[in-house]
Amino acid sequence: MMGLGDLVQKAVYLGIGVASYAGEKASAKLGELRSQFQILADEMVERGEMTSEEARRFVDEMVNKAQQQAVEAPETPRPTEPRRIEIVTDDDEPAKADPSDVGQMRQQVMDLQEELKRLRRDQ
């Protein structure tokens, strides 16, 4: 049977392993970003849009910004349950409208009816 000390030791090793794995993944992603920024900067240097010193500073600044955003970005909370979707059919009651909107809509309908009557008479 496993003792409490062995269990704690394995939990510590698991935590260290997870932290190490996360560090390796982050390092790999930053390496990919750096290489993509470097390619972009090299193309800009070739076109004469910036000097090699400006390109180096550009790559460093972009990588630093990416690191800062990764550190500062708060984790978005995951919903505890799926989002509810309401299905509306023609049989459902229409949503209650603002009374001021209803008056405006009635006036528009009346204006359109008058316009329709006028157009029919003119034909």
PDB file of N, CA and C in Angstrom:
ATOM      1  N   MET A   1       0.825  -1.178   0.000  1.00  0.00           N
ATOM      2  CA  MET A   1       0.000   0.000   0.000  1.00  0.00           C
ATOM      3  C   MET A   1       0.874   1.247   0.000  1.00  0.00           C
ATOM      4  N   MET A   2       0.409   2.286  -0.647  1.00  0.00           N
ATOM      5  CA  MET A   2       1.181   3.507  -0.776  1.00  0.00           C
ATOM      6  C   MET A   2       0.944   4.381   0.453  1.00  0.00           C
ATOM      7  N   GLY A   3       2.030   4.924   0.989  1.00  0.00           N
ATOM      8  CA  GLY A   3       1.915   5.798   2.147  1.00  0.00           C
ATOM      9  C   GLY A   3       1.606   7.223   1.716  1.00  0.00           C
ATOM     10  N   LEU A   4       1.262   8.025   2.699  1.00  0.00           N
ATOM     11  CA  LEU A   4       0.933   9.421   2.442  1.00  0.00           C
ATOM     12  C   LEU A   4       2.140  10.164   1.860  1.00  0.00           C
ATOM     13  N   GLY A   5       3.342   9.852   2.349  1.00  0.00           N
ATOM     14  CA  GLY A   5       4.551  10.501   1.839  1.00  0.00           C
ATOM     15  C   GLY A   5       4.775  10.209   0.369  1.00  0.00           C
ATOM     16  N   ASP A   6       4.532   8.942  -0.041  1.00  0.00           N
ATOM     17  CA  ASP A   6       4.689   8.576  -1.454  1.00  0.00           C
ATOM     18  C   ASP A   6       3.672   9.302  -2.324  1.00  0.00           C
ATOM     19  N   LEU A   7       2.465   9.433  -1.816  1.00  0.00           N
ATOM     20  CA  LEU A   7       1.411  10.115  -2.557  1.00  0.00           C
ATOM     21  C   LEU A   7       1.752  11.596  -2.754  1.00  0.00           C
ATOM     22  N   VAL A   8       2.239  12.238  -1.707  1.00  0.00           N
ATOM     23  CA  VAL A   8       2.622  13.645  -1.798  1.00  0.00           C
ATOM     24  C   VAL A   8       3.791  13.804  -2.762  1.00  0.00           C
ATOM     25  N   GLN A   9       4.753  12.904  -2.679  1.00  0.00           N
ATOM     26  CA  GLN A   9       5.914  12.964  -3.552  1.00  0.00           C
ATOM     27  C   GLN A   9       5.488  12.841  -5.023  1.00  0.00           C
ATOM     28  N   LYS A  10       4.597  11.911  -5.319  1.00  0.00           N
ATOM     29  CA  LYS A  10       4.131  11.743  -6.694  1.00  0.00           C
ATOM     30  C   LYS A  10       3.351  12.966  -7.153  1.00  0.00           C
ATOM     31  N   ALA A  11       2.569  13.576  -6.270  1.00  0.00           N
ATOM     32  CA  ALA A  11       1.825  14.784  -6.627  1.00  0.00           C
ATOM     33  C   ALA A  11       2.780  15.929  -6.951  1.00  0.00           C
ATOM     34  N   VAL A  12       3.855  16.056  -6.168  1.00  0.00           N
ATOM     35  CA  VAL A  12       4.853  17.093  -6.427  1.00  0.00           C
ATOM     36  C   VAL A  12       5.533  16.847  -7.763  1.00  0.00           C
ATOM     37  N   TYR A  13       5.910  15.609  -8.029  1.00  0.00           N
ATOM     38  CA  TYR A  13       6.547  15.285  -9.306  1.00  0.00           C
ATOM     39  C   TYR A  13       5.602  15.546 -10.480  1.00  0.00           C
ATOM     40  N   LEU A  14       4.328  15.244 -10.294  1.00  0.00           N
ATOM     41  CA  LEU A  14       3.343  15.505 -11.340  1.00  0.00           C
ATOM     42  C   LEU A  14       3.246  17.010 -11.604  1.00  0.00           C
ATOM     43  N   GLY A  15       3.200  17.803 -10.556  1.00  0.00           N
ATOM     44  CA  GLY A  15       3.138  19.254 -10.712  1.00  0.00           C
ATOM     45  C   GLY A  15       4.357  19.802 -11.426  1.00  0.00           C
ATOM     46  N   ILE A  16       5.532  19.301 -11.062  1.00  0.00           N
ATOM     47  CA  ILE A  16       6.766  19.738 -11.719  1.00  0.00           C
ATOM     48  C   ILE A  16       6.758  19.328 -13.190  1.00  0.00           C
ATOM     49  N   GLY A  17       6.279  18.148 -13.477  1.00  0.00           N
ATOM     50  CA  GLY A  17       6.215  17.678 -14.862  1.00  0.00           C
ATOM     51  C   GLY A  17       5.270  18.520 -15.703  1.00  0.00           C
ATOM     52  N   VAL A  18       4.117  18.840 -15.138  1.00  0.00           N
ATOM     53  CA  VAL A  18       3.154  19.664 -15.868  1.00  0.00           C
ATOM     54  C   VAL A  18       3.726  21.061 -16.112  1.00  0.00           C
ATOM     55  N   ALA A  19       4.360  21.643 -15.111  1.00  0.00           N
ATOM     56  CA  ALA A  19       4.957  22.965 -15.269  1.00  0.00           C
ATOM     57  C   ALA A  19       6.072  22.934 -16.319  1.00  0.00           C
ATOM     58  N   SER A  20       6.866  21.891 -16.309  1.00  0.00           N
ATOM     59  CA  SER A  20       7.938  21.759 -17.288  1.00  0.00           C
ATOM     60  C   SER A  20       7.377  21.622 -18.694  1.00  0.00           C
ATOM     61  N   TYR A  21       6.344  20.830 -18.841  1.00  0.00           N
ATOM     62  CA  TYR A  21       5.714  20.634 -20.150  1.00  0.00           C
ATOM     63  C   TYR A  21       5.124  21.945 -20.660  1.00  0.00           C
ATOM     64  N   ALA A  22       4.444  22.673 -19.781  1.00  0.00           N
ATOM     65  CA  ALA A  22       3.857  23.958 -20.177  1.00  0.00           C
ATOM     66  C   ALA A  22       4.950  24.942 -20.586  1.00  0.00           C
ATOM     67  N   GLY A  23       6.058  24.944 -19.862  1.00  0.00           N
ATOM     68  CA  GLY A  23       7.174  25.814 -20.210  1.00  0.00           C
ATOM     69  C   GLY A  23       7.762  25.476 -21.565  1.00  0.00           C
ATOM     70  N   GLU A  24       7.888  24.188 -21.845  1.00  0.00           N
ATOM     71  CA  GLU A  24       8.415  23.768 -23.143  1.00  0.00           C
ATOM     72  C   GLU A  24       7.485  24.173 -24.279  1.00  0.00           C
ATOM     73  N   LYS A  25       6.171  23.996 -24.079  1.00  0.00           N
ATOM     74  CA  LYS A  25       5.203  24.375 -25.111  1.00  0.00           C
ATOM     75  C   LYS A  25       5.237  25.890 -25.350  1.00  0.00           C
ATOM     76  N   ALA A  26       5.296  26.672 -24.273  1.00  0.00           N
ATOM     77  CA  ALA A  26       5.341  28.128 -24.412  1.00  0.00           C
ATOM     78  C   ALA A  26       6.623  28.550 -25.123  1.00  0.00           C
ATOM     79  N   SER A  27       7.719  27.918 -24.773  1.00  0.00           N
ATOM     80  CA  SER A  27       8.991  28.234 -25.405  1.00  0.00           C
ATOM     81  C   SER A  27       8.949  27.910 -26.902  1.00  0.00           C
ATOM     82  N   ALA A  28       8.335  26.790 -27.243  1.00  0.00           N
ATOM     83  CA  ALA A  28       8.223  26.410 -28.650  1.00  0.00           C
ATOM     84  C   ALA A  28       7.365  27.419 -29.415  1.00  0.00           C
ATOM     85  N   LYS A  29       6.253  27.846 -28.817  1.00  0.00           N
ATOM     86  CA  LYS A  29       5.377  28.825 -29.474  1.00  0.00           C
ATOM     87  C   LYS A  29       6.097  30.153 -29.660  1.00  0.00           C
ATOM     88  N   LEU A  30       6.846  30.589 -28.644  1.00  0.00           N
ATOM     89  CA  LEU A  30       7.595  31.833 -28.771  1.00  0.00           C
ATOM     90  C   LEU A  30       8.674  31.717 -29.842  1.00  0.00           C
ATOM     91  N   GLY A  31       9.273  30.554 -29.946  1.00  0.00           N
ATOM     92  CA  GLY A  31      10.265  30.323 -30.996  1.00  0.00           C
ATOM     93  C   GLY A  31       9.643  30.426 -32.383  1.00  0.00           C
ATOM     94  N   GLU A  32       8.432  29.850 -32.522  1.00  0.00           N
ATOM     95  CA  GLU A  32       7.726  29.945 -33.803  1.00  0.00           C
ATOM     96  C   GLU A  32       7.400  31.400 -34.126  1.00  0.00           C
ATOM     97  N   LEU A  33       6.914  32.129 -33.125  1.00  0.00           N
ATOM     98  CA  LEU A  33       6.595  33.545 -33.331  1.00  0.00           C
ATOM     99  C   LEU A  33       7.830  34.327 -33.745  1.00  0.00           C
ATOM    100  N   ARG A  34       8.928  34.086 -33.039  1.00  0.00           N
ATOM    101  CA  ARG A  34      10.163  34.800 -33.349  1.00  0.00           C
ATOM    102  C   ARG A  34      10.591  34.533 -34.789  1.00  0.00           C
ATOM    103  N   SER A  35      10.500  33.273 -35.219  1.00  0.00           N
ATOM    104  CA  SER A  35      10.926  32.962 -36.590  1.00  0.00           C
ATOM    105  C   SER A  35       9.993  33.611 -37.616  1.00  0.00           C
ATOM    106  N   GLN A  36       8.683  33.654 -37.334  1.00  0.00           N
ATOM    107  CA  GLN A  36       7.757  34.303 -38.259  1.00  0.00           C
ATOM    108  C   GLN A  36       8.015  35.807 -38.329  1.00  0.00           C
ATOM    109  N   PHE A  37       8.251  36.423 -37.173  1.00  0.00           N
ATOM    110  CA  PHE A  37       8.567  37.853 -37.172  1.00  0.00           C
ATOM    111  C   PHE A  37       9.889  38.122 -37.881  1.00  0.00           C
ATOM    112  N   GLN A  38      10.844  37.217 -37.713  1.00  0.00           N
ATOM    113  CA  GLN A  38      12.147  37.385 -38.357  1.00  0.00           C
ATOM    114  C   GLN A  38      12.006  37.305 -39.873  1.00  0.00           C
ATOM    115  N   ILE A  39      11.188  36.379 -40.359  1.00  0.00           N
ATOM    116  CA  ILE A  39      10.956  36.265 -41.802  1.00  0.00           C
ATOM    117  C   ILE A  39      10.333  37.552 -42.333  1.00  0.00           C
ATOM    118  N   LEU A  40       9.339  38.067 -41.621  1.00  0.00           N
ATOM    119  CA  LEU A  40       8.694  39.313 -42.025  1.00  0.00           C
ATOM    120  C   LEU A  40       9.695  40.462 -42.041  1.00  0.00           C
ATOM    121  N   ALA A  41      10.504  40.547 -40.991  1.00  0.00           N
ATOM    122  CA  ALA A  41      11.491  41.624 -40.905  1.00  0.00           C
ATOM    123  C   ALA A  41      12.530  41.502 -42.021  1.00  0.00           C
ATOM    124  N   ASP A  42      12.966  40.279 -42.328  1.00  0.00           N
ATOM    125  CA  ASP A  42      13.942  40.078 -43.409  1.00  0.00           C
ATOM    126  C   ASP A  42      13.373  40.532 -44.753  1.00  0.00           C
ATOM    127  N   GLU A  43      12.092  40.234 -44.976  1.00  0.00           N
ATOM    128  CA  GLU A  43      11.464  40.672 -46.227  1.00  0.00           C
ATOM    129  C   GLU A  43      11.409  42.197 -46.302  1.00  0.00           C
ATOM    130  N   MET A  44      11.120  42.834 -45.186  1.00  0.00           N
ATOM    131  CA  MET A  44      11.055  44.297 -45.170  1.00  0.00           C
ATOM    132  C   MET A  44      12.433  44.910 -45.385  1.00  0.00           C
ATOM    133  N   VAL A  45      13.473  44.263 -44.863  1.00  0.00           N
ATOM    134  CA  VAL A  45      14.840  44.753 -45.077  1.00  0.00           C
ATOM    135  C   VAL A  45      15.209  44.615 -46.549  1.00  0.00           C
ATOM    136  N   GLU A  46      14.834  43.482 -47.158  1.00  0.00           N
ATOM    137  CA  GLU A  46      15.133  43.270 -48.571  1.00  0.00           C
ATOM    138  C   GLU A  46      14.461  44.316 -49.454  1.00  0.00           C
ATOM    139  N   ARG A  47      13.251  44.717 -49.079  1.00  0.00           N
ATOM    140  CA  ARG A  47      12.530  45.728 -49.858  1.00  0.00           C
ATOM    141  C   ARG A  47      12.993  47.136 -49.530  1.00  0.00           C
ATOM    142  N   GLY A  48      13.849  47.264 -48.534  1.00  0.00           N
ATOM    143  CA  GLY A  48      14.368  48.571 -48.170  1.00  0.00           C
ATOM    144  C   GLY A  48      13.423  49.380 -47.295  1.00  0.00           C
ATOM    145  N   GLU A  49      12.463  48.718 -46.683  1.00  0.00           N
ATOM    146  CA  GLU A  49      11.492  49.412 -45.851  1.00  0.00           C
ATOM    147  C   GLU A  49      12.017  49.679 -44.449  1.00  0.00           C
ATOM    148  N   MET A  50      13.075  48.955 -44.054  1.00  0.00           N
ATOM    149  CA  MET A  50      13.708  49.196 -42.755  1.00  0.00           C
ATOM    150  C   MET A  50      15.131  48.681 -42.790  1.00  0.00           C
ATOM    151  N   THR A  51      15.931  49.169 -41.852  1.00  0.00           N
ATOM    152  CA  THR A  51      17.323  48.734 -41.765  1.00  0.00           C
ATOM    153  C   THR A  51      17.385  47.446 -40.952  1.00  0.00           C
ATOM    154  N   SER A  52      18.537  46.802 -40.968  1.00  0.00           N
ATOM    155  CA  SER A  52      18.681  45.557 -40.215  1.00  0.00           C
ATOM    156  C   SER A  52      18.571  45.807 -38.711  1.00  0.00           C
ATOM    157  N   GLU A  53      19.034  46.967 -38.242  1.00  0.00           N
ATOM    158  CA  GLU A  53      18.905  47.309 -36.817  1.00  0.00           C
ATOM    159  C   GLU A  53      17.436  47.500 -36.447  1.00  0.00           C
ATOM    160  N   GLU A  54      16.692  48.176 -37.307  1.00  0.00           N
ATOM    161  CA  GLU A  54      15.256  48.365 -37.064  1.00  0.00           C
ATOM    162  C   GLU A  54      14.527  47.022 -37.080  1.00  0.00           C
ATOM    163  N   ALA A  55      14.966  46.139 -37.964  1.00  0.00           N
ATOM    164  CA  ALA A  55      14.352  44.818 -38.050  1.00  0.00           C
ATOM    165  C   ALA A  55      14.588  44.028 -36.769  1.00  0.00           C
ATOM    166  N   ARG A  56      15.815  44.104 -36.240  1.00  0.00           N
ATOM    167  CA  ARG A  56      16.120  43.393 -34.990  1.00  0.00           C
ATOM    168  C   ARG A  56      15.263  43.924 -33.854  1.00  0.00           C
ATOM    169  N   ARG A  57      15.156  45.266 -33.762  1.00  0.00           N
ATOM    170  CA  ARG A  57      14.321  45.861 -32.704  1.00  0.00           C
ATOM    171  C   ARG A  57      12.850  45.479 -32.885  1.00  0.00           C
ATOM    172  N   PHE A  58      12.398  45.452 -34.149  1.00  0.00           N
ATOM    173  CA  PHE A  58      11.020  45.076 -34.445  1.00  0.00           C
ATOM    174  C   PHE A  58      10.716  43.671 -33.942  1.00  0.00           C
ATOM    175  N   VAL A  59      11.607  42.729 -34.253  1.00  0.00           N
ATOM    176  CA  VAL A  59      11.399  41.338 -33.831  1.00  0.00           C
ATOM    177  C   VAL A  59      11.390  41.255 -32.307  1.00  0.00           C
ATOM    178  N   ASP A  60      12.331  41.909 -31.648  1.00  0.00           N
ATOM    179  CA  ASP A  60      12.389  41.881 -30.186  1.00  0.00           C
ATOM    180  C   ASP A  60      11.130  42.482 -29.562  1.00  0.00           C
ATOM    181  N   GLU A  61      10.673  43.612 -30.118  1.00  0.00           N
ATOM    182  CA  GLU A  61       9.473  44.261 -29.581  1.00  0.00           C
ATOM    183  C   GLU A  61       8.244  43.375 -29.746  1.00  0.00           C
ATOM    184  N   MET A  62       8.112  42.756 -30.901  1.00  0.00           N
ATOM    185  CA  MET A  62       6.939  41.916 -31.151  1.00  0.00           C
ATOM    186  C   MET A  62       6.935  40.689 -30.231  1.00  0.00           C
ATOM    187  N   VAL A  63       8.092  40.082 -30.023  1.00  0.00           N
ATOM    188  CA  VAL A  63       8.165  38.924 -29.130  1.00  0.00           C
ATOM    189  C   VAL A  63       7.864  39.353 -27.692  1.00  0.00           C
ATOM    190  N   ASN A  64       8.396  40.502 -27.272  1.00  0.00           N
ATOM    191  CA  ASN A  64       8.111  40.996 -25.923  1.00  0.00           C
ATOM    192  C   ASN A  64       6.626  41.286 -25.742  1.00  0.00           C
ATOM    193  N   LYS A  65       5.997  41.873 -26.759  1.00  0.00           N
ATOM    194  CA  LYS A  65       4.554  42.140 -26.678  1.00  0.00           C
ATOM    195  C   LYS A  65       3.770  40.841 -26.566  1.00  0.00           C
ATOM    196  N   ALA A  66       4.183  39.839 -27.326  1.00  0.00           N
ATOM    197  CA  ALA A  66       3.494  38.546 -27.270  1.00  0.00           C
ATOM    198  C   ALA A  66       3.638  37.921 -25.884  1.00  0.00           C
ATOM    199  N   GLN A  67       4.828  38.035 -25.289  1.00  0.00           N
ATOM    200  CA  GLN A  67       5.038  37.508 -23.940  1.00  0.00           C
ATOM    201  C   GLN A  67       4.181  38.253 -22.927  1.00  0.00           C
ATOM    202  N   GLN A  68       4.124  39.580 -23.036  1.00  0.00           N
ATOM    203  CA  GLN A  68       3.337  40.375 -22.096  1.00  0.00           C
ATOM    204  C   GLN A  68       1.856  40.056 -22.220  1.00  0.00           C
ATOM    205  N   GLN A  69       1.374  39.907 -23.446  1.00  0.00           N
ATOM    206  CA  GLN A  69      -0.040  39.588 -23.632  1.00  0.00           C
ATOM    207  C   GLN A  69      -0.363  38.218 -23.063  1.00  0.00           C
ATOM    208  N   ALA A  70       0.563  37.283 -23.195  1.00  0.00           N
ATOM    209  CA  ALA A  70       0.328  35.951 -22.655  1.00  0.00           C
ATOM    210  C   ALA A  70       0.270  35.980 -21.131  1.00  0.00           C
ATOM    211  N   VAL A  71       1.096  36.836 -20.524  1.00  0.00           N
ATOM    212  CA  VAL A  71       1.114  36.930 -19.069  1.00  0.00           C
ATOM    213  C   VAL A  71      -0.091  37.702 -18.560  1.00  0.00           C
ATOM    214  N   GLU A  72      -0.448  38.795 -19.249  1.00  0.00           N
ATOM    215  CA  GLU A  72      -1.520  39.667 -18.784  1.00  0.00           C
ATOM    216  C   GLU A  72      -2.908  39.170 -19.152  1.00  0.00           C
ATOM    217  N   ALA A  73      -3.020  38.312 -20.140  1.00  0.00           N
ATOM    218  CA  ALA A  73      -4.336  37.881 -20.601  1.00  0.00           C
ATOM    219  C   ALA A  73      -5.020  37.045 -19.525  1.00  0.00           C
ATOM    220  N   PRO A  74      -6.155  37.524 -19.035  1.00  0.00           N
ATOM    221  CA  PRO A  74      -6.882  36.724 -18.053  1.00  0.00           C
ATOM    222  C   PRO A  74      -7.542  35.545 -18.751  1.00  0.00           C
ATOM    223  N   GLU A  75      -7.597  34.452 -18.042  1.00  0.00           N
ATOM    224  CA  GLU A  75      -8.241  33.291 -18.616  1.00  0.00           C
ATOM    225  C   GLU A  75      -9.741  33.520 -18.635  1.00  0.00           C
ATOM    226  N   THR A  76     -10.344  33.182 -19.754  1.00  0.00           N
ATOM    227  CA  THR A  76     -11.780  33.345 -19.846  1.00  0.00           C
ATOM    228  C   THR A  76     -12.445  32.202 -19.101  1.00  0.00           C
ATOM    229  N   PRO A  77     -13.411  32.537 -18.249  1.00  0.00           N
ATOM    230  CA  PRO A  77     -14.069  31.470 -17.516  1.00  0.00           C
ATOM    231  C   PRO A  77     -14.897  30.602 -18.450  1.00  0.00           C
ATOM    232  N   ARG A  78     -14.832  29.339 -18.236  1.00  0.00           N
ATOM    233  CA  ARG A  78     -15.608  28.423 -19.059  1.00  0.00           C
ATOM    234  C   ARG A  78     -17.012  28.324 -18.483  1.00  0.00           C
ATOM    235  N   PRO A  79     -17.996  28.271 -19.346  1.00  0.00           N
ATOM    236  CA  PRO A  79     -19.357  28.172 -18.837  1.00  0.00           C
ATOM    237  C   PRO A  79     -19.562  26.842 -18.130  1.00  0.00           C
ATOM    238  N   THR A  80     -20.371  26.882 -17.096  1.00  0.00           N
ATOM    239  CA  THR A  80     -20.621  25.660 -16.331  1.00  0.00           C
ATOM    240  C   THR A  80     -21.643  24.778 -17.018  1.00  0.00           C
ATOM    241  N   GLU A  81     -22.450  25.369 -17.883  1.00  0.00           N
ATOM    242  CA  GLU A  81     -23.427  24.583 -18.624  1.00  0.00           C
ATOM    243  C   GLU A  81     -23.528  25.133 -20.035  1.00  0.00           C
ATOM    244  N   PRO A  82     -24.049  24.353 -20.948  1.00  0.00           N
ATOM    245  CA  PRO A  82     -24.174  24.842 -22.321  1.00  0.00           C
ATOM    246  C   PRO A  82     -25.109  26.046 -22.400  1.00  0.00           C
ATOM    247  N   ARG A  83     -24.851  26.886 -23.375  1.00  0.00           N
ATOM    248  CA  ARG A  83     -25.683  28.066 -23.587  1.00  0.00           C
ATOM    249  C   ARG A  83     -27.038  27.608 -24.106  1.00  0.00           C
ATOM    250  N   ARG A  84     -28.091  28.168 -23.551  1.00  0.00           N
ATOM    251  CA  ARG A  84     -29.443  27.800 -23.964  1.00  0.00           C
ATOM    252  C   ARG A  84     -29.800  28.523 -25.260  1.00  0.00           C
ATOM    253  N   ILE A  85     -30.441  27.786 -26.160  1.00  0.00           N
ATOM    254  CA  ILE A  85     -30.877  28.344 -27.426  1.00  0.00           C
ATOM    255  C   ILE A  85     -32.397  28.290 -27.444  1.00  0.00           C
ATOM    256  N   GLU A  86     -33.005  29.432 -27.702  1.00  0.00           N
ATOM    257  CA  GLU A  86     -34.462  29.495 -27.743  1.00  0.00           C
ATOM    258  C   GLU A  86     -34.911  29.443 -29.193  1.00  0.00           C
ATOM    259  N   ILE A  87     -35.778  28.494 -29.496  1.00  0.00           N
ATOM    260  CA  ILE A  87     -36.296  28.345 -30.847  1.00  0.00           C
ATOM    261  C   ILE A  87     -37.673  28.995 -30.887  1.00  0.00           C
ATOM    262  N   VAL A  88     -37.829  29.965 -31.762  1.00  0.00           N
ATOM    263  CA  VAL A  88     -39.073  30.704 -31.870  1.00  0.00           C
ATOM    264  C   VAL A  88     -39.809  30.234 -33.112  1.00  0.00           C
ATOM    265  N   THR A  89     -41.081  29.914 -32.958  1.00  0.00           N
ATOM    266  CA  THR A  89     -41.905  29.505 -34.091  1.00  0.00           C
ATOM    267  C   THR A  89     -42.956  30.567 -34.353  1.00  0.00           C
ATOM    268  N   ASP A  90     -43.673  30.415 -35.450  1.00  0.00           N
ATOM    269  CA  ASP A  90     -44.717  31.369 -35.790  1.00  0.00           C
ATOM    270  C   ASP A  90     -45.856  31.351 -34.784  1.00  0.00           C
ATOM    271  N   ASP A  91     -46.028  30.236 -34.078  1.00  0.00           N
ATOM    272  CA  ASP A  91     -47.115  30.115 -33.110  1.00  0.00           C
ATOM    273  C   ASP A  91     -46.833  30.883 -31.824  1.00  0.00           C
ATOM    274  N   ASP A  92     -45.576  31.209 -31.585  1.00  0.00           N
ATOM    275  CA  ASP A  92     -45.209  31.896 -30.347  1.00  0.00           C
ATOM    276  C   ASP A  92     -45.708  33.330 -30.352  1.00  0.00           C
ATOM    277  N   GLU A  93     -45.870  33.855 -29.170  1.00  0.00           N
ATOM    278  CA  GLU A  93     -46.273  35.248 -29.013  1.00  0.00           C
ATOM    279  C   GLU A  93     -45.162  36.165 -29.468  1.00  0.00           C
ATOM    280  N   PRO A  94     -45.484  37.265 -30.161  1.00  0.00           N
ATOM    281  CA  PRO A  94     -44.423  38.209 -30.522  1.00  0.00           C
ATOM    282  C   PRO A  94     -43.904  38.895 -29.269  1.00  0.00           C
ATOM    283  N   ALA A  95     -42.676  39.322 -29.335  1.00  0.00           N
ATOM    284  CA  ALA A  95     -42.054  39.994 -28.190  1.00  0.00           C
ATOM    285  C   ALA A  95     -42.758  41.320 -27.931  1.00  0.00           C
ATOM    286  N   LYS A  96     -42.835  41.699 -26.681  1.00  0.00           N
ATOM    287  CA  LYS A  96     -43.461  42.964 -26.307  1.00  0.00           C
ATOM    288  C   LYS A  96     -42.569  44.104 -26.774  1.00  0.00           C
ATOM    289  N   ALA A  97     -43.174  45.057 -27.464  1.00  0.00           N
ATOM    290  CA  ALA A  97     -42.422  46.195 -27.984  1.00  0.00           C
ATOM    291  C   ALA A  97     -42.587  47.388 -27.059  1.00  0.00           C
ATOM    292  N   ASP A  98     -41.702  48.305 -27.179  1.00  0.00           N
ATOM    293  CA  ASP A  98     -41.758  49.550 -26.430  1.00  0.00           C
ATOM    294  C   ASP A  98     -42.990  50.325 -26.901  1.00  0.00           C
ATOM    295  N   PRO A  99     -43.805  50.860 -25.984  1.00  0.00           N
ATOM    296  CA  PRO A  99     -45.026  51.572 -26.396  1.00  0.00           C
ATOM    297  C   PRO A  99     -44.768  52.708 -27.374  1.00  0.00           C
ATOM    298  N   SER A 100     -43.667  53.408 -27.228  1.00  0.00           N
ATOM    299  CA  SER A 100     -43.381  54.499 -28.168  1.00  0.00           C
ATOM    300  C   SER A 100     -43.102  53.953 -29.560  1.00  0.00           C
ATOM    301  N   ASP A 101     -42.476  52.778 -29.644  1.00  0.00           N
ATOM    302  CA  ASP A 101     -42.225  52.153 -30.938  1.00  0.00           C
ATOM    303  C   ASP A 101     -43.526  51.712 -31.590  1.00  0.00           C
ATOM    304  N   VAL A 102     -44.478  51.230 -30.783  1.00  0.00           N
ATOM    305  CA  VAL A 102     -45.753  50.761 -31.315  1.00  0.00           C
ATOM    306  C   VAL A 102     -46.498  51.916 -31.973  1.00  0.00           C
ATOM    307  N   GLY A 103     -46.500  53.055 -31.321  1.00  0.00           N
ATOM    308  CA  GLY A 103     -47.166  54.214 -31.893  1.00  0.00           C
ATOM    309  C   GLY A 103     -46.541  54.642 -33.208  1.00  0.00           C
ATOM    310  N   GLN A 104     -45.227  54.627 -33.258  1.00  0.00           N
ATOM    311  CA  GLN A 104     -44.533  54.990 -34.493  1.00  0.00           C
ATOM    312  C   GLN A 104     -44.843  53.991 -35.603  1.00  0.00           C
ATOM    313  N   MET A 105     -44.875  52.705 -35.245  1.00  0.00           N
ATOM    314  CA  MET A 105     -45.159  51.681 -36.246  1.00  0.00           C
ATOM    315  C   MET A 105     -46.584  51.818 -36.768  1.00  0.00           C
ATOM    316  N   ARG A 106     -47.535  52.087 -35.879  1.00  0.00           N
ATOM    317  CA  ARG A 106     -48.921  52.281 -36.328  1.00  0.00           C
ATOM    318  C   ARG A 106     -49.012  53.449 -37.307  1.00  0.00           C
ATOM    319  N   GLN A 107     -48.307  54.526 -36.980  1.00  0.00           N
ATOM    320  CA  GLN A 107     -48.332  55.689 -37.859  1.00  0.00           C
ATOM    321  C   GLN A 107     -47.733  55.349 -39.220  1.00  0.00           C
ATOM    322  N   GLN A 108     -46.652  54.570 -39.224  1.00  0.00           N
ATOM    323  CA  GLN A 108     -46.034  54.166 -40.489  1.00  0.00           C
ATOM    324  C   GLN A 108     -46.980  53.300 -41.305  1.00  0.00           C
ATOM    325  N   VAL A 109     -47.689  52.383 -40.636  1.00  0.00           N
ATOM    326  CA  VAL A 109     -48.640  51.516 -41.332  1.00  0.00           C
ATOM    327  C   VAL A 109     -49.760  52.355 -41.941  1.00  0.00           C
ATOM    328  N   MET A 110     -50.267  53.301 -41.163  1.00  0.00           N
ATOM    329  CA  MET A 110     -51.335  54.164 -41.678  1.00  0.00           C
ATOM    330  C   MET A 110     -50.842  54.988 -42.872  1.00  0.00           C
ATOM    331  N   ASP A 111     -49.627  55.508 -42.772  1.00  0.00           N
ATOM    332  CA  ASP A 111     -49.065  56.276 -43.881  1.00  0.00           C
ATOM    333  C   ASP A 111     -48.912  55.404 -45.128  1.00  0.00           C
ATOM    334  N   LEU A 112     -48.471  54.182 -44.941  1.00  0.00           N
ATOM    335  CA  LEU A 112     -48.313  53.273 -46.080  1.00  0.00           C
ATOM    336  C   LEU A 112     -49.657  52.891 -46.684  1.00  0.00           C
ATOM    337  N   GLN A 113     -50.666  52.711 -45.841  1.00  0.00           N
ATOM    338  CA  GLN A 113     -51.999  52.407 -46.363  1.00  0.00           C
ATOM    339  C   GLN A 113     -52.539  53.575 -47.194  1.00  0.00           C
ATOM    340  N   GLU A 114     -52.334  54.780 -46.705  1.00  0.00           N
ATOM    341  CA  GLU A 114     -52.771  55.960 -47.451  1.00  0.00           C
ATOM    342  C   GLU A 114     -52.032  56.063 -48.788  1.00  0.00           C
ATOM    343  N   GLU A 115     -50.743  55.796 -48.760  1.00  0.00           N
ATOM    344  CA  GLU A 115     -49.935  55.824 -49.983  1.00  0.00           C
ATOM    345  C   GLU A 115     -50.437  54.779 -50.977  1.00  0.00           C
ATOM    346  N   LEU A 116     -50.763  53.582 -50.482  1.00  0.00           N
ATOM    347  CA  LEU A 116     -51.266  52.517 -51.338  1.00  0.00           C
ATOM    348  C   LEU A 116     -52.607  52.913 -51.956  1.00  0.00           C
ATOM    349  N   LYS A 117     -53.502  53.493 -51.160  1.00  0.00           N
ATOM    350  CA  LYS A 117     -54.805  53.943 -51.674  1.00  0.00           C
ATOM    351  C   LYS A 117     -54.605  55.006 -52.753  1.00  0.00           C
ATOM    352  N   ARG A 118     -53.713  55.934 -52.531  1.00  0.00           N
ATOM    353  CA  ARG A 118     -53.440  56.997 -53.491  1.00  0.00           C
ATOM    354  C   ARG A 118     -52.899  56.427 -54.799  1.00  0.00           C
ATOM    355  N   LEU A 119     -51.993  55.452 -54.693  1.00  0.00           N
ATOM    356  CA  LEU A 119     -51.410  54.846 -55.887  1.00  0.00           C
ATOM    357  C   LEU A 119     -52.464  54.083 -56.681  1.00  0.00           C
ATOM    358  N   ARG A 120     -53.392  53.418 -55.995  1.00  0.00           N
ATOM    359  CA  ARG A 120     -54.446  52.667 -56.680  1.00  0.00           C
ATOM    360  C   ARG A 120     -55.392  53.618 -57.409  1.00  0.00           C
ATOM    361  N   ARG A 121     -55.661  54.758 -56.810  1.00  0.00           N
ATOM    362  CA  ARG A 121     -56.555  55.737 -57.445  1.00  0.00           C
ATOM    363  C   ARG A 121     -55.908  56.343 -58.702  1.00  0.00           C
ATOM    364  N   ASP A 122     -54.600  56.534 -58.647  1.00  0.00           N
ATOM    365  CA  ASP A 122     -53.889  57.177 -59.764  1.00  0.00           C
ATOM    366  C   ASP A 122     -53.746  56.250 -60.968  1.00  0.00           C
ATOM    367  N   GLN A 123     -53.985  54.976 -60.827  1.00  0.00           N
ATOM    368  CA  GLN A 123     -53.795  54.041 -61.954  1.00  0.00           C
ATOM    369  C   GLN A 123     -54.886  54.131 -62.937  1.00  0.00           C
TER     370      GLN A 123
END
